[in-house]
């Protein structure tokens, strides 16, 4: 792949070309939108993690099953 050895001078050249083509204002607004997107993504991941943890902590009722008595039976010798 030709992009593996691009180096710092190549990155600076690309940055200058992008700046000339789009202008400072457009790039600034674009970076603001990227920042908002990253923030929304992080918030979504955190909300999903919180929801999974909350669901894991809640006891589940399984339809059709009765609660079992776990007290030991003194006559049971198994």
PDB file of N, CA and C in Angstrom:
ATOM      1  N   UNK A   1       0.851  -1.187   0.000  1.00  0.00           N
ATOM      2  CA  UNK A   1       0.000   0.000   0.000  1.00  0.00           C
ATOM      3  C   UNK A   1       0.893   1.246   0.000  1.00  0.00           C
ATOM      4  N   UNK A   2       0.601   2.205  -0.820  1.00  0.00           N
ATOM      5  CA  UNK A   2       1.447   3.380  -0.915  1.00  0.00           C
ATOM      6  C   UNK A   2       1.284   4.353   0.256  1.00  0.00           C
ATOM      7  N   UNK A   3       0.247   4.248   1.057  1.00  0.00           N
ATOM      8  CA  UNK A   3       0.033   5.189   2.156  1.00  0.00           C
ATOM      9  C   UNK A   3       0.776   4.811   3.429  1.00  0.00           C
ATOM     10  N   UNK A   4       1.516   3.737   3.444  1.00  0.00           N
ATOM     11  CA  UNK A   4       2.207   3.316   4.657  1.00  0.00           C
ATOM     12  C   UNK A   4       3.391   4.209   4.976  1.00  0.00           C
ATOM     13  N   UNK A   5       4.069   4.757   3.981  1.00  0.00           N
ATOM     14  CA  UNK A   5       5.261   5.563   4.207  1.00  0.00           C
ATOM     15  C   UNK A   5       5.013   7.018   3.852  1.00  0.00           C
ATOM     16  N   UNK A   6       3.865   7.561   4.246  1.00  0.00           N
ATOM     17  CA  UNK A   6       3.521   8.924   3.858  1.00  0.00           C
ATOM     18  C   UNK A   6       4.349   9.946   4.642  1.00  0.00           C
ATOM     19  N   UNK A   7       4.585   9.760   5.901  1.00  0.00           N
ATOM     20  CA  UNK A   7       5.442  10.627   6.704  1.00  0.00           C
ATOM     21  C   UNK A   7       4.830  11.980   7.015  1.00  0.00           C
ATOM     22  N   UNK A   8       5.550  12.746   7.813  1.00  0.00           N
ATOM     23  CA  UNK A   8       5.093  14.066   8.258  1.00  0.00           C
ATOM     24  C   UNK A   8       5.008  15.073   7.109  1.00  0.00           C
ATOM     25  N   UNK A   9       5.998  15.148   6.216  1.00  0.00           N
ATOM     26  CA  UNK A   9       5.871  16.112   5.103  1.00  0.00           C
ATOM     27  C   UNK A   9       4.648  15.843   4.223  1.00  0.00           C
ATOM     28  N   UNK A  10       4.343  14.590   3.996  1.00  0.00           N
ATOM     29  CA  UNK A  10       3.164  14.253   3.201  1.00  0.00           C
ATOM     30  C   UNK A  10       1.881  14.664   3.887  1.00  0.00           C
ATOM     31  N   UNK A  11       1.811  14.447   5.193  1.00  0.00           N
ATOM     32  CA  UNK A  11       0.610  14.845   5.947  1.00  0.00           C
ATOM     33  C   UNK A  11       0.443  16.361   5.938  1.00  0.00           C
ATOM     34  N   UNK A  12       1.550  17.103   6.068  1.00  0.00           N
ATOM     35  CA  UNK A  12       1.469  18.562   6.025  1.00  0.00           C
ATOM     36  C   UNK A  12       1.001  19.043   4.651  1.00  0.00           C
ATOM     37  N   UNK A  13       1.484  18.426   3.605  1.00  0.00           N
ATOM     38  CA  UNK A  13       1.060  18.792   2.259  1.00  0.00           C
ATOM     39  C   UNK A  13      -0.432  18.540   2.058  1.00  0.00           C
ATOM     40  N   UNK A  14      -0.904  17.415   2.534  1.00  0.00           N
ATOM     41  CA  UNK A  14      -2.333  17.094   2.438  1.00  0.00           C
ATOM     42  C   UNK A  14      -3.157  18.111   3.224  1.00  0.00           C
ATOM     43  N   UNK A  15      -2.704  18.475   4.438  1.00  0.00           N
ATOM     44  CA  UNK A  15      -3.420  19.449   5.261  1.00  0.00           C
ATOM     45  C   UNK A  15      -3.491  20.805   4.555  1.00  0.00           C
ATOM     46  N   UNK A  16      -2.406  21.234   3.910  1.00  0.00           N
ATOM     47  CA  UNK A  16      -2.391  22.517   3.203  1.00  0.00           C
ATOM     48  C   UNK A  16      -3.347  22.482   2.009  1.00  0.00           C
ATOM     49  N   UNK A  17      -3.352  21.395   1.263  1.00  0.00           N
ATOM     50  CA  UNK A  17      -4.248  21.278   0.113  1.00  0.00           C
ATOM     51  C   UNK A  17      -5.707  21.311   0.562  1.00  0.00           C
ATOM     52  N   UNK A  18      -6.025  20.607   1.620  1.00  0.00           N
ATOM     53  CA  UNK A  18      -7.396  20.598   2.135  1.00  0.00           C
ATOM     54  C   UNK A  18      -7.786  21.999   2.600  1.00  0.00           C
ATOM     55  N   UNK A  19      -6.883  22.691   3.277  1.00  0.00           N
ATOM     56  CA  UNK A  19      -7.160  24.052   3.751  1.00  0.00           C
ATOM     57  C   UNK A  19      -7.419  24.998   2.587  1.00  0.00           C
ATOM     58  N   UNK A  20      -6.629  24.887   1.528  1.00  0.00           N
ATOM     59  CA  UNK A  20      -6.809  25.753   0.357  1.00  0.00           C
ATOM     60  C   UNK A  20      -8.129  25.441  -0.341  1.00  0.00           C
ATOM     61  N   UNK A  21      -8.456  24.158  -0.469  1.00  0.00           N
ATOM     62  CA  UNK A  21      -9.674  23.778  -1.186  1.00  0.00           C
ATOM     63  C   UNK A  21     -10.949  24.167  -0.444  1.00  0.00           C
ATOM     64  N   UNK A  22     -10.983  23.937   0.854  1.00  0.00           N
ATOM     65  CA  UNK A  22     -12.229  24.119   1.598  1.00  0.00           C
ATOM     66  C   UNK A  22     -12.295  25.419   2.380  1.00  0.00           C
ATOM     67  N   UNK A  23     -11.191  25.999   2.741  1.00  0.00           N
ATOM     68  CA  UNK A  23     -11.204  27.226   3.530  1.00  0.00           C
ATOM     69  C   UNK A  23     -11.296  26.940   5.009  1.00  0.00           C
ATOM     70  N   UNK A  24     -10.820  27.924   5.794  1.00  0.00           N
ATOM     71  CA  UNK A  24     -10.741  27.738   7.241  1.00  0.00           C
ATOM     72  C   UNK A  24     -12.118  27.596   7.894  1.00  0.00           C
ATOM     73  N   UNK A  25     -13.094  28.376   7.443  1.00  0.00           N
ATOM     74  CA  UNK A  25     -14.429  28.341   8.052  1.00  0.00           C
ATOM     75  C   UNK A  25     -15.124  27.007   7.860  1.00  0.00           C
ATOM     76  N   UNK A  26     -15.008  26.462   6.661  1.00  0.00           N
ATOM     77  CA  UNK A  26     -15.662  25.185   6.371  1.00  0.00           C
ATOM     78  C   UNK A  26     -15.027  24.057   7.186  1.00  0.00           C
ATOM     79  N   UNK A  27     -13.705  24.068   7.281  1.00  0.00           N
ATOM     80  CA  UNK A  27     -13.011  23.025   8.053  1.00  0.00           C
ATOM     81  C   UNK A  27     -13.350  23.143   9.534  1.00  0.00           C
ATOM     82  N   UNK A  28     -13.440  24.385  10.022  1.00  0.00           N
ATOM     83  CA  UNK A  28     -13.785  24.601  11.429  1.00  0.00           C
ATOM     84  C   UNK A  28     -15.169  24.050  11.749  1.00  0.00           C
ATOM     85  N   UNK A  29     -16.131  24.328  10.898  1.00  0.00           N
ATOM     86  CA  UNK A  29     -17.491  23.828  11.141  1.00  0.00           C
ATOM     87  C   UNK A  29     -17.539  22.307  11.004  1.00  0.00           C
ATOM     88  N   UNK A  30     -16.748  21.769  10.081  1.00  0.00           N
ATOM     89  CA  UNK A  30     -16.697  20.315   9.909  1.00  0.00           C
ATOM     90  C   UNK A  30     -16.122  19.638  11.157  1.00  0.00           C
ATOM     91  N   UNK A  31     -15.067  20.211  11.717  1.00  0.00           N
ATOM     92  CA  UNK A  31     -14.470  19.629  12.928  1.00  0.00           C
ATOM     93  C   UNK A  31     -15.429  19.739  14.116  1.00  0.00           C
ATOM     94  N   UNK A  32     -16.218  20.817  14.155  1.00  0.00           N
ATOM     95  CA  UNK A  32     -17.235  20.943  15.204  1.00  0.00           C
ATOM     96  C   UNK A  32     -18.271  19.832  15.111  1.00  0.00           C
ATOM     97  N   UNK A  33     -18.679  19.522  13.885  1.00  0.00           N
ATOM     98  CA  UNK A  33     -19.650  18.444  13.684  1.00  0.00           C
ATOM     99  C   UNK A  33     -19.048  17.086  14.036  1.00  0.00           C
ATOM    100  N   UNK A  34     -17.779  16.889  13.717  1.00  0.00           N
ATOM    101  CA  UNK A  34     -17.103  15.638  14.079  1.00  0.00           C
ATOM    102  C   UNK A  34     -17.060  15.492  15.595  1.00  0.00           C
ATOM    103  N   UNK A  35     -16.756  16.591  16.295  1.00  0.00           N
ATOM    104  CA  UNK A  35     -16.735  16.566  17.761  1.00  0.00           C
ATOM    105  C   UNK A  35     -18.094  16.219  18.343  1.00  0.00           C
ATOM    106  N   UNK A  36     -19.151  16.794  17.776  1.00  0.00           N
ATOM    107  CA  UNK A  36     -20.512  16.482  18.241  1.00  0.00           C
ATOM    108  C   UNK A  36     -20.846  15.010  18.002  1.00  0.00           C
ATOM    109  N   UNK A  37     -20.406  14.496  16.865  1.00  0.00           N
ATOM    110  CA  UNK A  37     -20.653  13.086  16.562  1.00  0.00           C
ATOM    111  C   UNK A  37     -19.942  12.159  17.529  1.00  0.00           C
ATOM    112  N   UNK A  38     -18.706  12.486  17.858  1.00  0.00           N
ATOM    113  CA  UNK A  38     -17.945  11.664  18.814  1.00  0.00           C
ATOM    114  C   UNK A  38     -18.609  11.705  20.181  1.00  0.00           C
ATOM    115  N   UNK A  39     -19.049  12.899  20.599  1.00  0.00           N
ATOM    116  CA  UNK A  39     -19.726  13.027  21.887  1.00  0.00           C
ATOM    117  C   UNK A  39     -21.018  12.206  21.918  1.00  0.00           C
ATOM    118  N   UNK A  40     -21.791  12.264  20.847  1.00  0.00           N
ATOM    119  CA  UNK A  40     -23.036  11.497  20.789  1.00  0.00           C
ATOM    120  C   UNK A  40     -22.755   9.999  20.795  1.00  0.00           C
ATOM    121  N   UNK A  41     -21.691   9.578  20.117  1.00  0.00           N
ATOM    122  CA  UNK A  41     -21.326   8.158  20.108  1.00  0.00           C
ATOM    123  C   UNK A  41     -20.941   7.687  21.505  1.00  0.00           C
ATOM    124  N   UNK A  42     -20.131   8.471  22.203  1.00  0.00           N
ATOM    125  CA  UNK A  42     -19.729   8.095  23.569  1.00  0.00           C
ATOM    126  C   UNK A  42     -20.932   8.023  24.490  1.00  0.00           C
ATOM    127  N   UNK A  43     -21.861   8.980  24.346  1.00  0.00           N
ATOM    128  CA  UNK A  43     -23.061   8.973  25.179  1.00  0.00           C
ATOM    129  C   UNK A  43     -23.907   7.733  24.895  1.00  0.00           C
ATOM    130  N   UNK A  44     -24.013   7.355  23.629  1.00  0.00           N
ATOM    131  CA  UNK A  44     -24.770   6.161  23.257  1.00  0.00           C
ATOM    132  C   UNK A  44     -24.154   4.890  23.814  1.00  0.00           C
ATOM    133  N   UNK A  45     -22.832   4.798  23.766  1.00  0.00           N
ATOM    134  CA  UNK A  45     -22.149   3.625  24.316  1.00  0.00           C
ATOM    135  C   UNK A  45     -22.367   3.552  25.821  1.00  0.00           C
ATOM    136  N   UNK A  46     -22.268   4.694  26.510  1.00  0.00           N
ATOM    137  CA  UNK A  46     -22.461   4.717  27.964  1.00  0.00           C
ATOM    138  C   UNK A  46     -23.894   4.336  28.322  1.00  0.00           C
ATOM    139  N   UNK A  47     -24.865   4.879  27.580  1.00  0.00           N
ATOM    140  CA  UNK A  47     -26.268   4.543  27.851  1.00  0.00           C
ATOM    141  C   UNK A  47     -26.531   3.052  27.625  1.00  0.00           C
ATOM    142  N   UNK A  48     -25.944   2.491  26.572  1.00  0.00           N
ATOM    143  CA  UNK A  48     -26.109   1.060  26.304  1.00  0.00           C
ATOM    144  C   UNK A  48     -25.498   0.206  27.402  1.00  0.00           C
ATOM    145  N   UNK A  49     -24.310   0.607  27.863  1.00  0.00           N
ATOM    146  CA  UNK A  49     -23.652  -0.129  28.943  1.00  0.00           C
ATOM    147  C   UNK A  49     -24.469  -0.051  30.230  1.00  0.00           C
ATOM    148  N   UNK A  50     -24.977   1.150  30.539  1.00  0.00           N
ATOM    149  CA  UNK A  50     -25.807   1.314  31.744  1.00  0.00           C
ATOM    150  C   UNK A  50     -27.074   0.456  31.658  1.00  0.00           C
ATOM    151  N   UNK A  51     -27.673   0.399  30.475  1.00  0.00           N
ATOM    152  CA  UNK A  51     -28.891  -0.393  30.298  1.00  0.00           C
ATOM    153  C   UNK A  51     -28.606  -1.884  30.477  1.00  0.00           C
ATOM    154  N   UNK A  52     -27.482  -2.345  29.958  1.00  0.00           N
ATOM    155  CA  UNK A  52     -27.118  -3.760  30.107  1.00  0.00           C
ATOM    156  C   UNK A  52     -26.847  -4.087  31.567  1.00  0.00           C
ATOM    157  N   UNK A  53     -26.130  -3.210  32.272  1.00  0.00           N
ATOM    158  CA  UNK A  53     -25.850  -3.449  33.692  1.00  0.00           C
ATOM    159  C   UNK A  53     -27.135  -3.444  34.511  1.00  0.00           C
ATOM    160  N   UNK A  54     -28.055  -2.539  34.189  1.00  0.00           N
ATOM    161  CA  UNK A  54     -29.322  -2.466  34.916  1.00  0.00           C
ATOM    162  C   UNK A  54     -30.142  -3.738  34.686  1.00  0.00           C
ATOM    163  N   UNK A  55     -30.157  -4.228  33.449  1.00  0.00           N
ATOM    164  CA  UNK A  55     -30.904  -5.440  33.138  1.00  0.00           C
ATOM    165  C   UNK A  55     -30.293  -6.656  33.825  1.00  0.00           C
ATOM    166  N   UNK A  56     -28.979  -6.662  34.001  1.00  0.00           N
ATOM    167  CA  UNK A  56     -28.322  -7.794  34.651  1.00  0.00           C
ATOM    168  C   UNK A  56     -28.612  -7.815  36.152  1.00  0.00           C
ATOM    169  N   UNK A  57     -28.845  -6.646  36.742  1.00  0.00           N
ATOM    170  CA  UNK A  57     -29.101  -6.573  38.182  1.00  0.00           C
ATOM    171  C   UNK A  57     -30.539  -6.925  38.544  1.00  0.00           C
ATOM    172  N   UNK A  58     -31.493  -6.720  37.642  1.00  0.00           N
ATOM    173  CA  UNK A  58     -32.897  -6.953  37.938  1.00  0.00           C
ATOM    174  C   UNK A  58     -33.220  -8.440  37.900  1.00  0.00           C
ATOM    175  N   UNK A  59     -34.006  -8.916  38.867  1.00  0.00           N
ATOM    176  CA  UNK A  59     -34.434 -10.321  38.806  1.00  0.00           C
ATOM    177  C   UNK A  59     -35.438 -10.494  37.668  1.00  0.00           C
ATOM    178  N   UNK A  60     -35.385 -11.647  37.033  1.00  0.00           N
ATOM    179  CA  UNK A  60     -36.281 -11.908  35.908  1.00  0.00           C
ATOM    180  C   UNK A  60     -37.364 -12.880  36.334  1.00  0.00           C
ATOM    181  N   UNK A  61     -38.585 -12.611  35.894  1.00  0.00           N
ATOM    182  CA  UNK A  61     -39.702 -13.536  36.099  1.00  0.00           C
ATOM    183  C   UNK A  61     -39.835 -14.360  34.835  1.00  0.00           C
ATOM    184  N   UNK A  62     -39.738 -15.685  34.989  1.00  0.00           N
ATOM    185  CA  UNK A  62     -39.880 -16.568  33.845  1.00  0.00           C
ATOM    186  C   UNK A  62     -41.316 -17.060  33.830  1.00  0.00           C
ATOM    187  N   UNK A  63     -42.066 -16.785  32.760  1.00  0.00           N
ATOM    188  CA  UNK A  63     -43.461 -17.211  32.720  1.00  0.00           C
ATOM    189  C   UNK A  63     -43.577 -18.733  32.758  1.00  0.00           C
ATOM    190  N   UNK A  64     -44.536 -19.215  33.530  1.00  0.00           N
ATOM    191  CA  UNK A  64     -44.775 -20.652  33.595  1.00  0.00           C
ATOM    192  C   UNK A  64     -43.992 -21.362  34.684  1.00  0.00           C
ATOM    193  N   UNK A  65     -43.086 -20.670  35.349  1.00  0.00           N
ATOM    194  CA  UNK A  65     -42.322 -21.308  36.427  1.00  0.00           C
ATOM    195  C   UNK A  65     -42.788 -20.765  37.761  1.00  0.00           C
ATOM    196  N   UNK A  66     -42.900 -21.672  38.734  1.00  0.00           N
ATOM    197  CA  UNK A  66     -43.241 -21.256  40.086  1.00  0.00           C
ATOM    198  C   UNK A  66     -41.944 -21.082  40.868  1.00  0.00           C
ATOM    199  N   UNK A  67     -42.016 -20.265  41.887  1.00  0.00           N
ATOM    200  CA  UNK A  67     -40.844 -20.093  42.746  1.00  0.00           C
ATOM    201  C   UNK A  67     -40.600 -21.394  43.497  1.00  0.00           C
ATOM    202  N   UNK A  68     -39.363 -21.835  43.545  1.00  0.00           N
ATOM    203  CA  UNK A  68     -39.035 -23.080  44.234  1.00  0.00           C
ATOM    204  C   UNK A  68     -38.701 -22.802  45.689  1.00  0.00           C
ATOM    205  N   UNK A  69     -39.110 -23.708  46.538  1.00  0.00           N
ATOM    206  CA  UNK A  69     -38.788 -23.617  47.951  1.00  0.00           C
ATOM    207  C   UNK A  69     -37.405 -24.220  48.139  1.00  0.00           C
ATOM    208  N   UNK A  70     -36.487 -23.439  48.662  1.00  0.00           N
ATOM    209  CA  UNK A  70     -35.109 -23.917  48.824  1.00  0.00           C
ATOM    210  C   UNK A  70     -34.787 -24.301  50.253  1.00  0.00           C
ATOM    211  N   UNK A  71     -35.807 -24.338  51.122  1.00  0.00           N
ATOM    212  CA  UNK A  71     -35.538 -24.757  52.499  1.00  0.00           C
ATOM    213  C   UNK A  71     -35.292 -26.269  52.501  1.00  0.00           C
ATOM    214  N   UNK A  72     -34.328 -26.723  53.269  1.00  0.00           N
ATOM    215  CA  UNK A  72     -34.030 -28.149  53.298  1.00  0.00           C
ATOM    216  C   UNK A  72     -35.164 -28.956  53.948  1.00  0.00           C
ATOM    217  N   UNK A  73     -35.416 -30.121  53.391  1.00  0.00           N
ATOM    218  CA  UNK A  73     -36.421 -31.008  53.911  1.00  0.00           C
ATOM    219  C   UNK A  73     -35.711 -31.992  54.849  1.00  0.00           C
ATOM    220  N   UNK A  74     -36.082 -32.018  56.146  1.00  0.00           N
ATOM    221  CA  UNK A  74     -35.373 -32.903  57.084  1.00  0.00           C
ATOM    222  C   UNK A  74     -35.577 -34.390  56.786  1.00  0.00           C
ATOM    223  N   UNK A  75     -36.645 -34.733  56.071  1.00  0.00           N
ATOM    224  CA  UNK A  75     -36.864 -36.153  55.769  1.00  0.00           C
ATOM    225  C   UNK A  75     -36.162 -36.597  54.478  1.00  0.00           C
ATOM    226  N   UNK A  76     -35.633 -35.665  53.744  1.00  0.00           N
ATOM    227  CA  UNK A  76     -34.935 -36.001  52.490  1.00  0.00           C
ATOM    228  C   UNK A  76     -33.513 -36.425  52.820  1.00  0.00           C
ATOM    229  N   UNK A  77     -33.113 -37.628  52.410  1.00  0.00           N
ATOM    230  CA  UNK A  77     -31.784 -38.148  52.724  1.00  0.00           C
ATOM    231  C   UNK A  77     -30.974 -38.404  51.455  1.00  0.00           C
ATOM    232  N   UNK A  78     -31.011 -37.524  50.492  1.00  0.00           N
ATOM    233  CA  UNK A  78     -30.278 -37.768  49.252  1.00  0.00           C
ATOM    234  C   UNK A  78     -28.883 -37.262  49.281  1.00  0.00           C
TER     235      UNK A  78
END
